[in-house]
Amino acid sequence: MYEKKQPVFKSPDLGQLQAVVIDHKTIIFIALGADPQKAKTRYLERINFKKA
């Protein structure tokens, strides 16, 4: 019989990411060199597009 291999999931290292607060209950993580304001607007545009 063959043994079934378990999938290996690697979590991102939060030490290499910066947190961007969207609202009081939403936080996204982006790369350290990325623009937080641009990431916030892209996130909000994506969410608003899903609602429409």
N, C-alpha and C. Protein backbone atom coordinates (compact mmCIF):
# COMPACT_ATOMS: atom_id res chain seq x y z
N MET A 1 0.83 -1.19 0.00
CA MET A 1 0.00 0.00 0.00
C MET A 1 0.87 1.25 0.00
N TYR A 2 0.36 2.28 -0.63
CA TYR A 2 1.05 3.55 -0.66
C TYR A 2 0.51 4.43 0.47
N GLU A 3 1.41 5.18 1.06
CA GLU A 3 0.99 6.12 2.09
C GLU A 3 0.60 7.43 1.44
N LYS A 4 -0.50 7.99 1.88
CA LYS A 4 -0.95 9.27 1.35
C LYS A 4 -0.16 10.38 2.03
N LYS A 5 0.48 11.23 1.22
CA LYS A 5 1.25 12.33 1.77
C LYS A 5 0.33 13.48 2.13
N GLN A 6 0.59 14.07 3.27
CA GLN A 6 -0.19 15.22 3.73
C GLN A 6 0.34 16.48 3.04
N PRO A 7 -0.56 17.35 2.60
CA PRO A 7 -0.08 18.59 1.97
C PRO A 7 0.62 19.48 2.99
N VAL A 8 1.65 20.17 2.54
CA VAL A 8 2.42 21.05 3.41
C VAL A 8 2.04 22.49 3.08
N PHE A 9 1.49 23.19 4.06
CA PHE A 9 1.11 24.59 3.90
C PHE A 9 2.10 25.45 4.67
N LYS A 10 2.67 26.41 3.96
CA LYS A 10 3.65 27.29 4.59
C LYS A 10 3.00 28.66 4.79
N SER A 11 2.90 29.10 6.02
CA SER A 11 2.32 30.41 6.33
C SER A 11 3.34 31.50 6.04
N PRO A 12 2.86 32.66 5.59
CA PRO A 12 3.79 33.77 5.34
C PRO A 12 4.38 34.31 6.64
N ASP A 13 5.60 34.79 6.55
CA ASP A 13 6.28 35.36 7.71
C ASP A 13 5.79 36.80 7.90
N LEU A 14 5.05 37.05 8.97
CA LEU A 14 4.49 38.38 9.22
C LEU A 14 5.57 39.40 9.54
N GLY A 15 6.78 38.96 9.86
CA GLY A 15 7.88 39.88 10.10
C GLY A 15 8.34 40.56 8.81
N GLN A 16 8.03 39.96 7.67
CA GLN A 16 8.42 40.52 6.38
C GLN A 16 7.27 41.27 5.71
N LEU A 17 6.17 41.45 6.41
CA LEU A 17 5.00 42.13 5.88
C LEU A 17 4.63 43.32 6.76
N GLN A 18 3.92 44.28 6.18
CA GLN A 18 3.42 45.41 6.99
C GLN A 18 1.90 45.37 6.99
N ALA A 19 1.33 45.75 8.09
CA ALA A 19 -0.12 45.73 8.24
C ALA A 19 -0.71 47.05 7.76
N VAL A 20 -1.85 46.94 7.06
CA VAL A 20 -2.59 48.11 6.60
C VAL A 20 -4.00 47.98 7.16
N VAL A 21 -4.42 48.96 7.96
CA VAL A 21 -5.74 48.93 8.58
C VAL A 21 -6.75 49.53 7.61
N ILE A 22 -7.75 48.71 7.24
CA ILE A 22 -8.80 49.15 6.33
C ILE A 22 -9.92 49.81 7.12
N ASP A 23 -10.45 49.12 8.10
CA ASP A 23 -11.43 49.67 9.03
C ASP A 23 -11.21 49.01 10.39
N HIS A 24 -12.13 49.19 11.32
CA HIS A 24 -11.89 48.70 12.68
C HIS A 24 -11.83 47.19 12.79
N LYS A 25 -12.28 46.45 11.77
CA LYS A 25 -12.22 44.99 11.85
C LYS A 25 -11.50 44.33 10.68
N THR A 26 -10.88 45.11 9.79
CA THR A 26 -10.18 44.56 8.64
C THR A 26 -8.75 45.06 8.59
N ILE A 27 -7.82 44.13 8.54
CA ILE A 27 -6.41 44.43 8.41
C ILE A 27 -5.87 43.55 7.29
N ILE A 28 -5.13 44.15 6.34
CA ILE A 28 -4.47 43.37 5.30
C ILE A 28 -2.97 43.51 5.48
N PHE A 29 -2.24 42.55 4.96
CA PHE A 29 -0.78 42.56 5.06
C PHE A 29 -0.20 42.64 3.66
N ILE A 30 0.77 43.56 3.49
CA ILE A 30 1.41 43.77 2.20
C ILE A 30 2.92 43.72 2.40
N ALA A 31 3.66 43.70 1.28
CA ALA A 31 5.12 43.69 1.35
C ALA A 31 5.62 44.97 1.99
N LEU A 32 6.81 44.90 2.56
CA LEU A 32 7.35 46.06 3.30
C LEU A 32 7.55 47.28 2.41
N GLY A 33 7.94 47.12 1.16
CA GLY A 33 8.22 48.26 0.31
C GLY A 33 7.00 48.80 -0.44
N ALA A 34 5.85 48.15 -0.31
CA ALA A 34 4.66 48.54 -1.07
C ALA A 34 3.99 49.77 -0.46
N ASP A 35 3.19 50.44 -1.28
CA ASP A 35 2.49 51.66 -0.86
C ASP A 35 1.20 51.29 -0.13
N PRO A 36 1.06 51.63 1.16
CA PRO A 36 -0.13 51.24 1.91
C PRO A 36 -1.41 51.91 1.41
N GLN A 37 -1.34 53.16 0.96
CA GLN A 37 -2.54 53.84 0.47
C GLN A 37 -3.05 53.20 -0.81
N LYS A 38 -2.14 52.81 -1.70
CA LYS A 38 -2.53 52.17 -2.95
C LYS A 38 -3.15 50.79 -2.67
N ALA A 39 -2.57 50.06 -1.71
CA ALA A 39 -3.11 48.75 -1.36
C ALA A 39 -4.51 48.88 -0.77
N LYS A 40 -4.72 49.91 0.03
CA LYS A 40 -6.04 50.13 0.65
C LYS A 40 -7.08 50.45 -0.41
N THR A 41 -6.74 51.32 -1.38
CA THR A 41 -7.71 51.66 -2.43
C THR A 41 -7.99 50.46 -3.32
N ARG A 42 -6.98 49.66 -3.63
CA ARG A 42 -7.20 48.45 -4.45
C ARG A 42 -8.12 47.47 -3.73
N TYR A 43 -7.92 47.31 -2.43
CA TYR A 43 -8.76 46.41 -1.64
C TYR A 43 -10.21 46.89 -1.64
N LEU A 44 -10.41 48.19 -1.39
CA LEU A 44 -11.77 48.72 -1.35
C LEU A 44 -12.45 48.66 -2.72
N GLU A 45 -11.71 48.88 -3.80
CA GLU A 45 -12.28 48.77 -5.14
C GLU A 45 -12.72 47.34 -5.42
N ARG A 46 -11.91 46.37 -5.01
CA ARG A 46 -12.25 44.97 -5.23
C ARG A 46 -13.51 44.56 -4.45
N ILE A 47 -13.61 45.02 -3.21
CA ILE A 47 -14.77 44.70 -2.38
C ILE A 47 -16.02 45.35 -2.96
N ASN A 48 -15.93 46.62 -3.38
CA ASN A 48 -17.08 47.32 -3.94
C ASN A 48 -17.52 46.71 -5.26
N PHE A 49 -16.57 46.19 -6.04
CA PHE A 49 -16.91 45.53 -7.30
C PHE A 49 -17.69 44.24 -7.05
N LYS A 50 -17.33 43.50 -6.00
CA LYS A 50 -18.03 42.26 -5.67
C LYS A 50 -19.47 42.54 -5.23
N LYS A 51 -19.70 43.66 -4.55
CA LYS A 51 -21.05 43.99 -4.07
C LYS A 51 -21.97 44.41 -5.20
N ALA A 52 -21.41 44.99 -6.27
CA ALA A 52 -22.24 45.48 -7.37
C ALA A 52 -22.72 44.38 -8.28
